[in-house]
Structures are given as C-alpha cells and as structure tokens.
C-alpha cells in the first residue's frame, strides 16, 4: 500500500466521536496491516459510513445489515476487547 493511500485511511479514521477515533485508530495501527486485502478493502468501505451507524455497530447496539461489514466490525470489537483485557 502506498504511503499516501495509508495516510488517507489514517485521516478517515479520525471521526467526530472520540470513541470512534480510538477504536478505529488502534485497529488501524495494530491490526490493519495483517488483514487480507479483501478485509482491508471492507475496512476502507466501512470508513465511508456515518459516525452514528459506526458507533452503534461498534458498541453492539445494532448490527450492520451488510454481512461483510459485520465481519470487520466483529474484528474491531474483538481487538478492542482484547486491548482492555490485556
């Protein structure tokens, strides 16, 4: 991945809610690089969703209707849970 493209993804992880900034930013820094390309692309697609939907999905208040999104949302949740239990 080109540094410029990665910089755009970093910027897209900066959201209007601190909780989203932390969850998405940590996942990007610590997990994103190890994802298969198709999951990287889904993560990038998720970043186009609005903050309220992302917040509801990541806080387990709702599930995304897109099953591909659900896979990545679960990975982000798992990563956050792991970080808090470590």
C-alpha atoms as a PDB file:
ATOM      1  CA  UNK A   1       0.000   0.000   0.000  1.00  0.00           C
ATOM      2  CA  UNK A   2       1.286   3.415  -0.944  1.00  0.00           C
ATOM      3  CA  UNK A   3       2.104   5.769   1.967  1.00  0.00           C
ATOM      4  CA  UNK A   4      -0.271   8.375   0.541  1.00  0.00           C
ATOM      5  CA  UNK A   5      -3.139   5.880   0.458  1.00  0.00           C
ATOM      6  CA  UNK A   6      -2.385   4.821   4.046  1.00  0.00           C
ATOM      7  CA  UNK A   7      -2.354   8.479   5.110  1.00  0.00           C
ATOM      8  CA  UNK A   8      -5.853   8.901   3.667  1.00  0.00           C
ATOM      9  CA  UNK A   9      -7.029   5.900   5.676  1.00  0.00           C
ATOM     10  CA  UNK A  10      -5.473   7.329   8.838  1.00  0.00           C
ATOM     11  CA  UNK A  11      -7.299  10.586   8.191  1.00  0.00           C
ATOM     12  CA  UNK A  12     -10.595   8.736   7.545  1.00  0.00           C
ATOM     13  CA  UNK A  13     -10.259   7.048  10.952  1.00  0.00           C
ATOM     14  CA  UNK A  14     -10.436  10.468  12.595  1.00  0.00           C
ATOM     15  CA  UNK A  15     -14.093  10.882  13.372  1.00  0.00           C
ATOM     16  CA  UNK A  16     -16.436  13.217  15.198  1.00  0.00           C
ATOM     17  CA  UNK A  17     -16.519  10.961  18.256  1.00  0.00           C
ATOM     18  CA  UNK A  18     -13.523  10.230  20.445  1.00  0.00           C
ATOM     19  CA  UNK A  19     -14.675   6.637  20.941  1.00  0.00           C
ATOM     20  CA  UNK A  20     -14.578   6.028  17.191  1.00  0.00           C
ATOM     21  CA  UNK A  21     -11.191   7.741  16.861  1.00  0.00           C
ATOM     22  CA  UNK A  22      -9.745   5.393  19.477  1.00  0.00           C
ATOM     23  CA  UNK A  23     -11.352   2.166  18.236  1.00  0.00           C
ATOM     24  CA  UNK A  24     -10.650   2.748  14.557  1.00  0.00           C
ATOM     25  CA  UNK A  25      -7.204   4.270  15.100  1.00  0.00           C
ATOM     26  CA  UNK A  26      -5.977   1.457  17.321  1.00  0.00           C
ATOM     27  CA  UNK A  27      -7.333  -1.165  14.934  1.00  0.00           C
ATOM     28  CA  UNK A  28      -5.654   0.570  12.014  1.00  0.00           C
ATOM     29  CA  UNK A  29      -2.284   0.790  13.788  1.00  0.00           C
ATOM     30  CA  UNK A  30      -2.301  -2.686  15.291  1.00  0.00           C
ATOM     31  CA  UNK A  31      -4.341  -4.990  13.019  1.00  0.00           C
ATOM     32  CA  UNK A  32      -4.990  -3.466   9.594  1.00  0.00           C
ATOM     33  CA  UNK A  33      -1.587  -4.333   8.134  1.00  0.00           C
ATOM     34  CA  UNK A  34      -2.127  -8.055   8.828  1.00  0.00           C
ATOM     35  CA  UNK A  35      -5.588  -8.234   7.219  1.00  0.00           C
ATOM     36  CA  UNK A  36      -6.055  -9.909   3.851  1.00  0.00           C
ATOM     37  CA  UNK A  37      -6.601  -7.415   1.043  1.00  0.00           C
ATOM     38  CA  UNK A  38     -10.349  -8.092   0.797  1.00  0.00           C
ATOM     39  CA  UNK A  39     -10.780  -7.292   4.508  1.00  0.00           C
ATOM     40  CA  UNK A  40      -8.655  -4.153   4.150  1.00  0.00           C
ATOM     41  CA  UNK A  41     -10.999  -3.031   1.390  1.00  0.00           C
ATOM     42  CA  UNK A  42     -14.058  -3.699   3.564  1.00  0.00           C
ATOM     43  CA  UNK A  43     -12.499  -1.703   6.415  1.00  0.00           C
ATOM     44  CA  UNK A  44     -11.973   1.181   3.999  1.00  0.00           C
ATOM     45  CA  UNK A  45     -15.615   0.909   2.875  1.00  0.00           C
ATOM     46  CA  UNK A  46     -16.770   0.998   6.498  1.00  0.00           C
ATOM     47  CA  UNK A  47     -14.979   4.316   6.917  1.00  0.00           C
ATOM     48  CA  UNK A  48     -17.477   5.807   4.447  1.00  0.00           C
ATOM     49  CA  UNK A  49     -20.365   5.098   6.819  1.00  0.00           C
ATOM     50  CA  UNK A  50     -21.714   7.774   9.139  1.00  0.00           C
ATOM     51  CA  UNK A  51     -20.471   8.115  12.696  1.00  0.00           C
ATOM     52  CA  UNK A  52     -23.759   7.190  14.345  1.00  0.00           C
ATOM     53  CA  UNK A  53     -24.005   3.882  12.476  1.00  0.00           C
ATOM     54  CA  UNK A  54     -20.368   3.073  13.213  1.00  0.00           C
ATOM     55  CA  UNK A  55     -20.849   3.911  16.876  1.00  0.00           C
ATOM     56  CA  UNK A  56     -23.986   1.738  17.142  1.00  0.00           C
ATOM     57  CA  UNK A  57     -22.279  -1.176  15.408  1.00  0.00           C
ATOM     58  CA  UNK A  58     -19.097  -0.982  17.466  1.00  0.00           C
ATOM     59  CA  UNK A  59     -20.974  -0.533  20.758  1.00  0.00           C
ATOM     60  CA  UNK A  60     -23.111  -3.613  19.944  1.00  0.00           C
ATOM     61  CA  UNK A  61     -26.317  -1.575  19.865  1.00  0.00           C
ATOM     62  CA  UNK A  62     -27.027  -2.646  16.279  1.00  0.00           C
ATOM     63  CA  UNK A  63     -25.581  -4.998  13.692  1.00  0.00           C
ATOM     64  CA  UNK A  64     -24.744  -3.848  10.173  1.00  0.00           C
ATOM     65  CA  UNK A  65     -27.010  -5.359   7.533  1.00  0.00           C
ATOM     66  CA  UNK A  66     -24.036  -5.923   5.228  1.00  0.00           C
ATOM     67  CA  UNK A  67     -22.507  -9.287   6.241  1.00  0.00           C
ATOM     68  CA  UNK A  68     -19.076  -8.175   5.002  1.00  0.00           C
ATOM     69  CA  UNK A  69     -19.225  -5.167   7.312  1.00  0.00           C
ATOM     70  CA  UNK A  70     -20.216  -7.431  10.196  1.00  0.00           C
ATOM     71  CA  UNK A  71     -17.026  -9.467   9.776  1.00  0.00           C
ATOM     72  CA  UNK A  72     -14.818  -6.397  10.176  1.00  0.00           C
ATOM     73  CA  UNK A  73     -16.972  -4.842  12.901  1.00  0.00           C
ATOM     74  CA  UNK A  74     -16.566  -8.055  14.915  1.00  0.00           C
ATOM     75  CA  UNK A  75     -12.799  -7.928  14.390  1.00  0.00           C
ATOM     76  CA  UNK A  76     -12.667  -4.313  15.590  1.00  0.00           C
ATOM     77  CA  UNK A  77     -14.782  -5.217  18.646  1.00  0.00           C
ATOM     78  CA  UNK A  78     -12.593  -8.226  19.403  1.00  0.00           C
ATOM     79  CA  UNK A  79      -9.454  -6.129  19.126  1.00  0.00           C
ATOM     80  CA  UNK A  80     -10.895  -3.522  21.499  1.00  0.00           C
ATOM     81  CA  UNK A  81     -11.948  -6.207  23.988  1.00  0.00           C
ATOM     82  CA  UNK A  82      -8.502  -7.812  23.824  1.00  0.00           C
ATOM     83  CA  UNK A  83      -6.757  -4.470  24.436  1.00  0.00           C
ATOM     84  CA  UNK A  84      -8.912  -3.822  27.501  1.00  0.00           C
ATOM     85  CA  UNK A  85      -8.350  -7.269  28.986  1.00  0.00           C
ATOM     86  CA  UNK A  86      -4.571  -7.265  28.469  1.00  0.00           C
END
